[in-house]
Protein backbone atom coordinates (compact mmCIF):
# COMPACT_ATOMS: atom_id res chain seq x y z
CA MET A 1 187.19 -31.68 -17.21
CA GLU A 2 188.37 -35.09 -18.42
CA ILE A 3 188.21 -37.88 -15.84
CA LYS A 4 190.30 -40.96 -16.57
CA SER A 5 188.40 -44.15 -17.40
CA GLU A 6 189.99 -46.09 -14.54
CA ILE A 7 188.76 -43.47 -12.06
CA LEU A 8 185.28 -43.65 -13.54
CA ASP A 9 185.38 -47.42 -13.07
CA GLU A 10 186.38 -47.01 -9.42
CA LEU A 11 183.52 -44.61 -8.79
CA LYS A 12 181.05 -46.88 -10.59
CA ASN A 13 182.13 -49.79 -8.42
CA ILE A 14 181.41 -47.78 -5.27
CA VAL A 15 177.79 -46.83 -6.06
CA GLY A 16 176.85 -49.50 -8.60
CA GLU A 17 176.08 -49.07 -12.29
CA GLU A 18 172.47 -48.03 -11.60
CA ASN A 19 173.67 -45.08 -9.51
CA PHE A 20 176.33 -43.87 -11.96
CA SER A 21 175.63 -41.84 -15.08
CA THR A 22 177.46 -39.98 -17.82
CA LEU A 23 174.44 -39.92 -20.13
CA LYS A 24 174.02 -36.52 -21.80
CA ALA A 25 170.36 -36.32 -20.79
CA ASP A 26 171.25 -36.86 -17.12
CA LEU A 27 174.16 -34.42 -17.26
CA TYR A 28 171.87 -31.77 -18.73
CA THR A 29 169.22 -32.41 -16.07
CA TYR A 30 171.76 -32.01 -13.26
CA ALA A 31 173.36 -28.93 -14.83
CA SER A 32 170.87 -26.54 -13.24
CA ASP A 33 168.77 -26.02 -10.15
CA ALA A 34 165.86 -23.59 -9.68
CA SER A 35 168.15 -20.60 -10.33
CA VAL A 36 168.99 -18.96 -13.68
CA HIS A 37 172.37 -20.72 -13.82
CA GLN A 38 173.53 -23.90 -15.49
CA SER A 39 176.83 -25.72 -16.01
CA ILE A 40 177.28 -29.28 -17.30
CA PRO A 41 178.86 -31.83 -14.91
CA ASP A 42 180.99 -34.77 -16.04
CA LEU A 43 179.15 -37.48 -14.15
CA ILE A 44 176.37 -38.14 -11.67
CA LEU A 45 176.77 -40.33 -8.59
CA ARG A 46 173.93 -41.37 -6.28
CA PRO A 47 175.43 -42.76 -3.04
CA ARG A 48 173.30 -44.64 -0.52
CA THR A 49 175.56 -44.54 2.56
CA THR A 50 178.04 -42.32 4.38
CA GLU A 51 180.72 -44.91 3.64
CA GLN A 52 180.13 -44.55 -0.09
CA VAL A 53 180.35 -40.77 0.16
CA SER A 54 183.62 -41.12 2.05
CA LYS A 55 185.14 -43.38 -0.60
CA ILE A 56 184.01 -41.02 -3.37
CA MET A 57 185.55 -38.02 -1.64
CA LYS A 58 188.89 -39.79 -1.14
CA ILE A 59 189.11 -40.48 -4.87
CA ALA A 60 187.93 -36.99 -5.79
CA ASN A 61 190.42 -35.34 -3.45
CA ASP A 62 193.35 -37.47 -4.63
CA ASN A 63 192.55 -36.58 -8.23
CA LYS A 64 191.34 -33.00 -7.63
CA ILE A 65 187.91 -33.63 -9.12
CA PRO A 66 185.26 -31.02 -8.19
CA VAL A 67 182.27 -32.36 -6.23
CA THR A 68 178.93 -30.55 -6.04
CA PRO A 69 176.50 -32.02 -3.48
CA ARG A 70 172.83 -31.86 -4.44
CA GLY A 71 169.48 -32.54 -2.82
CA SER A 72 166.30 -31.84 -4.79
CA GLY A 73 167.79 -28.93 -6.74
CA SER A 74 165.30 -26.37 -5.40
CA SER A 75 168.02 -23.77 -4.79
CA LEU A 76 167.26 -20.32 -6.16
CA SER A 77 170.84 -19.02 -6.04
CA GLY A 78 172.78 -21.65 -7.99
CA ASN A 79 173.97 -23.62 -4.94
CA ALA A 80 173.71 -26.98 -6.76
CA VAL A 81 175.15 -25.84 -10.11
CA PRO A 82 178.50 -27.58 -10.86
CA VAL A 83 180.43 -24.54 -12.08
CA GLU A 84 183.64 -26.49 -12.77
CA GLY A 85 181.95 -29.68 -13.90
CA GLY A 86 183.21 -32.82 -12.19
CA ILE A 87 180.89 -34.88 -9.98
CA VAL A 88 177.35 -34.04 -8.95
CA LEU A 89 176.67 -36.01 -5.78
CA ASP A 90 172.92 -36.66 -5.55
CA ILE A 91 172.15 -37.58 -1.93
CA LYS A 92 168.38 -38.16 -2.29
CA GLN A 93 168.72 -41.94 -1.90
CA MET A 94 170.05 -41.37 1.61
CA ASN A 95 166.50 -40.88 2.84
CA ASN A 96 166.09 -42.96 5.98
CA ILE A 97 164.54 -41.60 9.16
CA ILE A 98 166.92 -43.42 11.49
CA GLU A 99 165.10 -42.86 14.75
CA ILE A 100 162.54 -40.62 16.42
CA ARG A 101 163.06 -40.25 20.17
CA ILE A 102 160.15 -38.30 21.59
CA GLU A 103 161.46 -38.81 25.13
CA ASP A 104 164.70 -37.01 24.17
CA LEU A 105 163.10 -34.45 21.82
CA TYR A 106 165.11 -35.34 18.74
CA ALA A 107 165.00 -37.19 15.44
CA ARG A 108 167.98 -38.63 13.57
CA VAL A 109 167.71 -38.60 9.80
CA GLU A 110 169.81 -39.03 6.68
CA ALA A 111 170.44 -35.95 4.57
CA GLY A 112 168.12 -37.00 1.73
CA VAL A 113 164.98 -37.07 3.88
CA ILE A 114 162.34 -34.63 2.59
CA ASN A 115 161.12 -31.98 5.05
CA ASP A 116 157.42 -32.81 4.64
CA GLN A 117 158.19 -36.55 4.85
CA LEU A 118 159.82 -36.01 8.24
CA ASN A 119 156.94 -33.88 9.50
CA SER A 120 154.41 -36.46 8.35
CA GLU A 121 156.12 -39.05 10.54
CA LEU A 122 156.57 -36.68 13.47
CA ALA A 123 152.88 -35.71 13.37
CA LYS A 124 151.99 -39.30 14.30
CA HIS A 125 153.70 -38.60 17.62
CA GLY A 126 152.24 -35.09 18.05
CA PHE A 127 155.52 -33.35 17.14
CA PHE A 128 157.02 -31.39 14.23
CA PHE A 129 160.28 -30.02 12.84
CA PRO A 130 159.63 -26.25 12.79
CA PRO A 131 161.74 -24.93 9.84
CA THR A 132 159.17 -24.64 7.05
CA PRO A 133 160.47 -23.66 3.62
CA ALA A 134 157.80 -23.11 0.96
CA SER A 135 159.56 -25.90 -0.95
CA GLY A 136 158.98 -28.33 1.94
CA LYS A 137 157.41 -30.92 -0.39
CA VAL A 138 160.77 -31.41 -2.09
CA ALA A 139 163.43 -29.77 0.13
CA THR A 140 165.88 -32.26 1.64
CA ILE A 141 167.16 -31.91 5.19
CA GLY A 142 170.72 -31.85 3.83
CA GLY A 143 169.88 -28.97 1.51
CA MET A 144 168.14 -27.11 4.31
CA ILE A 145 171.23 -27.51 6.50
CA ALA A 146 173.54 -26.41 3.69
CA ASN A 147 171.59 -23.16 3.30
CA ASN A 148 170.29 -22.65 6.85
CA ALA A 149 166.78 -22.70 5.42
CA SER A 150 163.87 -21.50 7.52
CA GLY A 151 160.53 -20.23 6.19
CA MET A 152 157.55 -18.58 7.80
CA ARG A 153 157.99 -20.00 11.32
CA ALA A 154 161.54 -18.72 11.86
CA GLY A 155 160.47 -15.74 13.97
CA LYS A 156 158.95 -17.94 16.67
CA TYR A 157 160.82 -21.24 16.26
CA GLY A 158 164.12 -20.28 14.65
CA ALA A 159 165.82 -21.35 11.42
CA THR A 160 167.44 -24.73 10.69
CA ARG A 161 170.56 -23.69 12.63
CA GLU A 162 168.54 -23.47 15.86
CA ALA A 163 167.07 -26.94 15.30
CA VAL A 164 170.29 -28.87 14.60
CA MET A 165 171.80 -30.70 17.56
CA GLY A 166 174.49 -32.62 15.69
CA LEU A 167 175.74 -33.69 12.26
CA LYS A 168 177.66 -36.44 10.52
CA VAL A 169 179.89 -34.83 7.87
CA VAL A 170 182.20 -36.23 5.22
CA MET A 171 185.18 -33.94 4.76
CA ALA A 172 186.95 -33.13 1.49
CA ASP A 173 189.53 -35.89 2.02
CA GLY A 174 186.90 -38.50 2.93
CA GLU A 175 187.30 -38.29 6.71
CA VAL A 176 183.98 -38.77 8.53
CA ILE A 177 183.36 -36.62 11.59
CA ASP A 178 180.52 -36.25 14.11
CA THR A 179 179.65 -32.82 15.46
CA GLY A 180 177.37 -31.75 18.28
CA THR A 181 175.49 -34.03 20.66
CA ARG A 182 172.10 -35.60 21.30
CA THR A 183 171.54 -33.40 24.34
CA ILE A 184 169.50 -30.21 24.61
CA LYS A 185 172.48 -28.25 25.96
CA ASN A 186 176.04 -28.52 24.75
CA SER A 187 179.09 -26.57 25.84
CA SER A 188 181.68 -29.17 24.89
CA GLY A 189 184.34 -27.88 22.52
CA TYR A 190 183.87 -25.98 19.28
CA HIS A 191 180.34 -26.06 17.87
CA LEU A 192 181.48 -27.34 14.49
CA ASP A 193 177.93 -28.05 13.34
CA ARG A 194 177.36 -24.28 13.26
CA LEU A 195 180.25 -23.99 10.80
CA PHE A 196 178.75 -26.45 8.34
CA ILE A 197 175.20 -25.10 8.57
CA GLY A 198 174.90 -22.48 5.84
CA SER A 199 178.23 -23.41 4.21
CA GLU A 200 176.44 -24.56 1.02
CA GLY A 201 178.49 -27.73 0.66
CA THR A 202 181.79 -25.85 0.41
CA LEU A 203 183.33 -27.23 3.63
CA GLY A 204 181.96 -30.76 3.91
CA ILE A 205 179.06 -32.99 2.90
CA VAL A 206 176.37 -33.55 5.52
CA THR A 207 175.08 -37.13 5.42
CA GLU A 208 173.16 -37.34 8.70
CA ALA A 209 171.59 -34.93 11.19
CA THR A 210 170.20 -35.00 14.71
CA LEU A 211 167.33 -32.53 14.84
CA LYS A 212 165.47 -30.93 17.72
CA ILE A 213 161.71 -31.54 17.49
CA THR A 214 158.82 -29.58 19.00
CA PRO A 215 155.30 -30.51 20.16
CA LEU A 216 152.54 -29.59 17.73
CA PRO A 217 150.53 -26.57 18.97
CA GLN A 218 147.07 -27.20 20.40
CA SER A 219 145.40 -24.48 18.38
CA LYS A 220 145.95 -22.21 15.37
CA ALA A 221 144.32 -19.14 13.87
CA THR A 222 145.02 -17.01 10.81
CA VAL A 223 144.59 -13.26 10.42
CA VAL A 224 144.26 -11.67 6.96
CA ALA A 225 144.90 -7.91 6.99
CA SER A 226 144.47 -5.78 3.84
CA PHE A 227 146.32 -2.50 3.19
CA ASP A 228 146.24 0.15 0.48
CA THR A 229 150.07 0.44 0.40
CA LEU A 230 152.92 -2.00 0.91
CA GLU A 231 154.57 0.51 3.23
CA LYS A 232 151.61 0.40 5.64
CA ALA A 233 151.70 -3.38 5.66
CA GLY A 234 155.40 -3.18 6.47
CA GLN A 235 154.72 -0.74 9.29
CA ALA A 236 152.14 -3.12 10.73
CA VAL A 237 154.83 -5.81 10.82
CA SER A 238 157.15 -3.55 12.80
CA ASN A 239 154.36 -2.47 15.15
CA ILE A 240 153.25 -6.03 15.90
CA MET A 241 156.74 -7.33 16.57
CA ALA A 242 157.61 -4.31 18.74
CA THR A 243 154.82 -5.23 21.20
CA GLY A 244 156.46 -8.54 22.09
CA LEU A 245 153.85 -10.63 20.28
CA ASN A 246 155.36 -13.75 18.77
CA PRO A 247 153.34 -14.89 15.74
CA ALA A 248 154.02 -18.38 14.40
CA GLY A 249 154.11 -16.87 10.93
CA MET A 250 153.65 -13.50 9.28
CA GLU A 251 153.78 -13.21 5.50
CA ILE A 252 153.72 -9.98 3.53
CA MET A 253 152.60 -9.85 -0.13
CA ASP A 254 152.32 -6.98 -2.60
CA LYS A 255 149.74 -6.60 -5.37
CA VAL A 256 151.93 -8.32 -7.99
CA CYS A 257 152.09 -11.41 -5.78
CA ILE A 258 148.46 -11.31 -4.68
CA ASP A 259 147.22 -11.11 -8.27
CA ALA A 260 149.52 -13.92 -9.40
CA VAL A 261 148.44 -16.26 -6.61
CA GLU A 262 144.75 -15.55 -7.09
CA LYS A 263 145.00 -16.07 -10.85
CA ALA A 264 146.71 -19.43 -10.36
CA THR A 265 144.96 -20.84 -7.27
CA HIS A 266 141.65 -18.97 -6.75
CA CYS A 267 142.20 -19.27 -3.01
CA GLY A 268 140.16 -16.15 -2.18
CA LEU A 269 142.83 -13.60 -1.35
CA PRO A 270 141.50 -10.03 -1.11
CA GLN A 271 142.31 -7.98 -4.20
CA VAL A 272 144.25 -5.15 -2.56
CA ASP A 273 147.63 -3.45 -2.85
CA ALA A 274 149.20 -5.38 0.03
CA LEU A 275 148.27 -7.87 2.70
CA LEU A 276 149.57 -9.69 5.75
CA LEU A 277 148.87 -13.34 6.50
CA ILE A 278 149.50 -13.88 10.20
CA GLU A 279 149.37 -17.16 12.13
CA ALA A 280 149.05 -17.52 15.87
CA ASP A 281 149.50 -20.91 17.54
CA GLY A 282 149.57 -22.39 21.02
CA HIS A 283 147.01 -22.71 23.80
CA PRO A 284 143.51 -21.72 22.56
CA VAL A 285 143.18 -18.91 25.12
CA VAL A 286 146.57 -17.46 24.19
CA VAL A 287 145.80 -17.74 20.47
CA LYS A 288 142.51 -15.86 20.93
CA GLU A 289 144.23 -13.05 22.85
CA GLU A 290 147.06 -12.77 20.30
CA VAL A 291 144.65 -12.63 17.36
CA GLU A 292 142.63 -9.84 18.99
CA LYS A 293 145.80 -7.82 19.65
CA MET A 294 147.16 -8.34 16.12
CA GLU A 295 143.82 -7.38 14.55
CA GLN A 296 143.76 -4.17 16.59
CA LEU A 297 147.36 -3.27 15.71
CA CYS A 298 146.69 -3.81 12.00
CA LYS A 299 143.64 -1.53 12.17
CA GLU A 300 145.62 1.13 14.02
CA THR A 301 148.29 0.99 11.30
CA GLY A 302 145.76 1.64 8.53
CA ALA A 303 144.44 -1.76 7.50
CA THR A 304 141.38 -1.36 5.28
CA GLN A 305 140.01 -4.75 6.31
CA VAL A 306 140.97 -7.37 8.90
CA ASP A 307 139.55 -10.88 9.09
CA SER A 308 140.49 -13.96 11.07
CA THR A 309 139.64 -17.65 10.95
CA THR A 310 140.18 -20.84 12.91
CA ASP A 311 138.61 -23.01 10.21
CA PRO A 312 141.24 -25.61 9.20
CA LYS A 313 140.00 -25.76 5.60
CA ARG A 314 140.17 -21.99 5.13
CA MET A 315 143.58 -21.76 6.78
CA THR A 316 144.88 -24.50 4.48
CA GLU A 317 143.58 -22.54 1.47
CA LEU A 318 145.23 -19.31 2.58
CA TRP A 319 148.61 -20.79 3.43
CA GLY A 320 148.44 -23.05 0.39
CA GLY A 321 148.12 -19.92 -1.72
CA ARG A 322 151.21 -18.47 -0.06
CA LYS A 323 153.18 -21.67 -0.68
CA ALA A 324 152.10 -21.55 -4.33
CA LEU A 325 153.46 -18.03 -4.76
CA LEU A 326 156.70 -18.89 -6.55
CA PRO A 327 155.15 -21.05 -9.31
CA SER A 328 152.25 -18.60 -9.53
CA LEU A 329 154.63 -15.76 -10.36
CA SER A 330 156.19 -17.90 -13.08
CA ARG A 331 152.78 -18.18 -14.73
CA ALA A 332 151.77 -14.55 -14.20
CA MET A 333 152.61 -13.27 -17.71
CA ALA A 334 152.75 -15.31 -20.89
CA GLY A 335 156.26 -15.42 -22.35
CA TRP A 336 157.82 -13.82 -19.29
CA ALA A 337 159.65 -15.51 -16.41
CA SER A 338 159.93 -14.94 -12.68
CA MET A 339 163.61 -14.58 -11.81
CA ALA A 340 165.27 -15.08 -8.43
CA LEU A 341 167.89 -12.36 -8.86
CA ALA A 342 167.48 -10.21 -5.75
CA ASP A 343 165.91 -12.94 -3.75
CA ASP A 344 165.83 -13.25 0.03
CA MET A 345 167.23 -10.25 1.79
CA ASP A 346 166.74 -9.72 5.52
CA VAL A 347 166.49 -6.29 7.14
CA PRO A 348 165.96 -5.02 10.69
CA LEU A 349 162.25 -5.15 11.56
CA SER A 350 161.98 -1.38 11.92
CA LYS A 351 163.31 -1.02 8.37
CA VAL A 352 160.72 -3.29 6.70
CA PRO A 353 158.35 -0.44 5.64
CA GLU A 354 161.17 1.76 4.33
CA THR A 355 162.79 -1.10 2.44
CA ALA A 356 159.55 -2.41 0.94
CA LYS A 357 158.72 1.07 -0.32
CA ALA A 358 162.21 1.43 -1.80
CA PHE A 359 161.83 -1.84 -3.72
CA GLN A 360 158.70 -0.50 -5.41
CA GLU A 361 160.41 2.79 -6.24
CA ILE A 362 163.37 0.95 -7.81
CA ALA A 363 161.02 -1.19 -9.91
CA ALA A 364 159.24 1.93 -11.15
CA LYS A 365 162.55 3.66 -11.91
CA TYR A 366 163.67 0.86 -14.25
CA GLU A 367 160.16 0.13 -15.56
CA ILE A 368 160.25 -3.53 -14.54
CA ILE A 369 157.83 -5.64 -12.51
CA VAL A 370 159.04 -6.71 -9.08
CA GLY A 371 156.93 -8.88 -6.78
CA THR A 372 157.73 -8.33 -3.10
CA TYR A 373 156.79 -10.80 -0.40
CA GLY A 374 158.42 -12.59 2.50
CA HIS A 375 158.55 -13.87 6.04
CA ALA A 376 157.90 -10.52 7.61
CA SER A 377 158.24 -11.48 11.27
CA THR A 378 162.00 -11.90 10.73
CA GLY A 379 162.42 -9.01 8.28
CA ASN A 380 163.00 -11.54 5.49
CA LEU A 381 161.91 -9.93 2.19
CA HIS A 382 161.85 -11.78 -1.11
CA THR A 383 161.65 -10.15 -4.52
CA LYS A 384 161.09 -11.76 -7.89
CA VAL A 385 161.74 -9.87 -11.11
CA LEU A 386 159.21 -10.53 -13.89
CA PHE A 387 160.55 -9.86 -17.38
CA ASN A 388 161.25 -11.28 -20.82
CA PRO A 389 164.39 -13.40 -20.28
CA LYS A 390 165.26 -13.33 -23.99
CA SER A 391 165.54 -9.53 -23.98
CA LYS A 392 168.98 -8.02 -23.41
CA ASP A 393 167.33 -4.71 -22.55
CA HIS A 394 165.24 -6.38 -19.84
CA TRP A 395 168.32 -8.13 -18.45
CA GLU A 396 170.23 -4.84 -18.31
CA ARG A 397 167.41 -3.04 -16.51
CA ALA A 398 167.00 -5.96 -14.14
CA ARG A 399 170.74 -6.00 -13.41
CA LYS A 400 170.71 -2.32 -12.47
CA ALA A 401 167.57 -2.72 -10.35
CA VAL A 402 169.01 -5.72 -8.51
CA GLY A 403 172.16 -3.77 -7.67
CA GLU A 404 170.12 -0.93 -6.19
CA ILE A 405 167.90 -3.33 -4.24
CA TYR A 406 170.94 -4.87 -2.57
CA ASP A 407 172.49 -1.44 -2.00
CA LYS A 408 169.35 -0.47 -0.09
CA VAL A 409 169.42 -3.65 1.98
CA ILE A 410 173.04 -3.08 2.99
CA GLU A 411 172.36 0.62 3.65
CA VAL A 412 169.67 -0.17 6.26
CA GLY A 413 171.88 -2.74 8.01
CA GLY A 414 170.43 -5.85 6.39
CA THR A 415 171.91 -9.00 4.90
CA VAL A 416 171.75 -10.17 1.30
CA SER A 417 170.55 -13.66 2.25
CA GLY A 418 168.19 -14.60 5.04
CA GLU A 419 167.57 -18.26 4.16
CA HIS A 420 168.41 -19.28 0.57
CA GLY A 421 172.18 -19.00 0.68
CA VAL A 422 174.60 -16.99 -1.44
CA ALA A 423 176.06 -19.37 -4.08
CA LEU A 424 176.30 -17.45 -7.37
CA SER A 425 173.43 -14.97 -7.68
CA LYS A 426 174.06 -13.10 -4.44
CA ALA A 427 177.83 -13.49 -4.18
CA PRO A 428 178.86 -10.05 -5.53
CA TYR A 429 176.64 -8.32 -2.96
CA MET A 430 177.63 -10.62 -0.10
CA LYS A 431 181.23 -9.62 -0.77
CA LEU A 432 180.26 -5.99 -0.17
CA GLU A 433 178.30 -6.84 2.97
CA ARG A 434 180.99 -9.09 4.49
CA LYS A 435 184.11 -7.43 3.10
CA ASN A 436 185.83 -7.38 6.51
CA SER A 437 185.46 -11.14 7.00
CA LEU A 438 186.09 -12.52 3.50
CA ALA A 439 189.75 -13.24 4.22
CA THR A 440 188.84 -15.28 7.32
CA MET A 441 186.20 -17.22 5.37
CA THR A 442 188.81 -18.00 2.72
CA LYS A 443 191.26 -19.28 5.38
CA ILE A 444 188.61 -21.64 6.77
CA LYS A 445 187.81 -22.93 3.27
CA LYS A 446 191.49 -23.52 2.51
CA ALA A 447 192.08 -25.31 5.82
CA LEU A 448 189.18 -27.74 5.35
CA ASP A 449 189.33 -28.09 1.56
CA PRO A 450 192.92 -27.35 0.47
CA ASN A 451 192.36 -28.70 -3.06
CA ASN A 452 189.20 -26.60 -3.46
CA ILE A 453 187.07 -29.47 -4.74
CA LEU A 454 183.92 -28.95 -2.66
CA ASN A 455 181.38 -26.88 -4.59
CA PRO A 456 184.03 -24.52 -6.01
CA GLN A 457 183.35 -20.96 -7.18
CA LYS A 458 180.58 -20.35 -4.67
CA ILE A 459 180.06 -17.69 -1.98
CA MET A 460 183.29 -15.63 -1.60
CA ASP A 461 184.93 -17.46 -4.55
CA ALA A 462 182.05 -16.84 -6.98
CA PRO A 463 182.38 -14.59 -10.08
CA ASP A 464 181.39 -10.96 -9.60
CA ASN A 465 178.82 -10.78 -12.42
CA PHE A 466 175.67 -12.81 -11.75
CA VAL A 467 174.73 -12.83 -15.46
CA THR A 468 178.06 -14.19 -16.72
CA ALA A 469 178.83 -16.45 -13.72
CA THR A 470 177.65 -19.48 -15.72
CA ASP A 471 175.63 -20.21 -18.81
CA LEU A 472 172.09 -18.90 -18.35
CA ARG A 473 169.12 -21.18 -18.79
CA TYR A 474 167.58 -18.54 -21.06
CA PRO A 475 169.14 -17.68 -24.45
CA LEU A 476 169.62 -13.95 -24.91
CA LYS A 477 168.59 -12.32 -28.17
CA GLU A 478 169.00 -8.85 -29.59
CA ASP A 479 165.93 -6.68 -28.95
């Protein structure tokens, strides 16, 4: 879209020339995130304060200029892609840890604070912020709130939603509101913070958060269980969780993922068809008892080998390999790419084995490579499709496979997104899953953003074809 020069001057005056850009190189850089989508914005703004964000939004709303908020751009679904151009609002300079109050069990931070940065500071006090996305080295708190991010610890400690006590939000018209409290319990009025968490920047822009913090556990141990089928590994997940055990983390990986990680990191994963990485934490006596029970359950479910360790170095290697999974898949096959197309579904725990098996059958049906992994203790399964992105035939087979993967997830009572958000890639399938509530979601969007300037064409408003939703970052060629 064309933005008048006088408006550009106003916006430049708000953030300063150094935080304003219409350079083609910058526009191209901000056109995409970690998804397959891209769309060129008209300008980049890097505010440093809530007041600056408020002023920007007032101008944008008055002139109906689209605004796409952005953290580090690690989204896998196209959340930070500016579909209608306009302004990309980069909040990474709002990165102050405002206060840490151990005595009240909370930390107040700006939205641009990086997850690992916060945990590094909290560790000095013997505390941590439990949501642990694999992208924690770059993921901003604002982005985590926008997508209700979680990671491997969600089963025991909850997702971002459970750790947010209050928010400061700039609305579409520039109004600044405070939601929630700084108290552990809150039954005062509507819990508006819950509305903004997971809204992907479509209802308001989070600039500050009050977060619940948790004491670091006294002890940790890791169990590595090997299986000869992914289905057995999935059954072990269901069996462990059904006993009432509460692992701090439980990751499932198939052979595609195991081989990719080992090739890239050499972290010593067993070369098997499937494995579980399980973490227990807490009091040393409790950890020992939990590990023994989980080892026994894995063996009873058909594990071919079960090992455990309390060695910090070895545990760091194992979990480091898991965190390296996404980039490892991208390097797995020369000339091929790892695509987040059917990405982070969540299914009932009892359906994990059935669903994992179905994913492998769908991959075989369409003769494509699908890596399956995920945060198994919450039923959160990730898949990455490995194929030649320049091949129309590969795209067509992938498209059909993705549709069947989501059909299976919905069939077993699951959800199309457990932690990464909907945005563009998952929107068509979310519309099927939530068809009875789409109209209500649209009413809320219209009430809070009547000019539809906040991250437009996302979630229920996104196009129905994930391939044609935007330009793709990979040029298609005839086979």
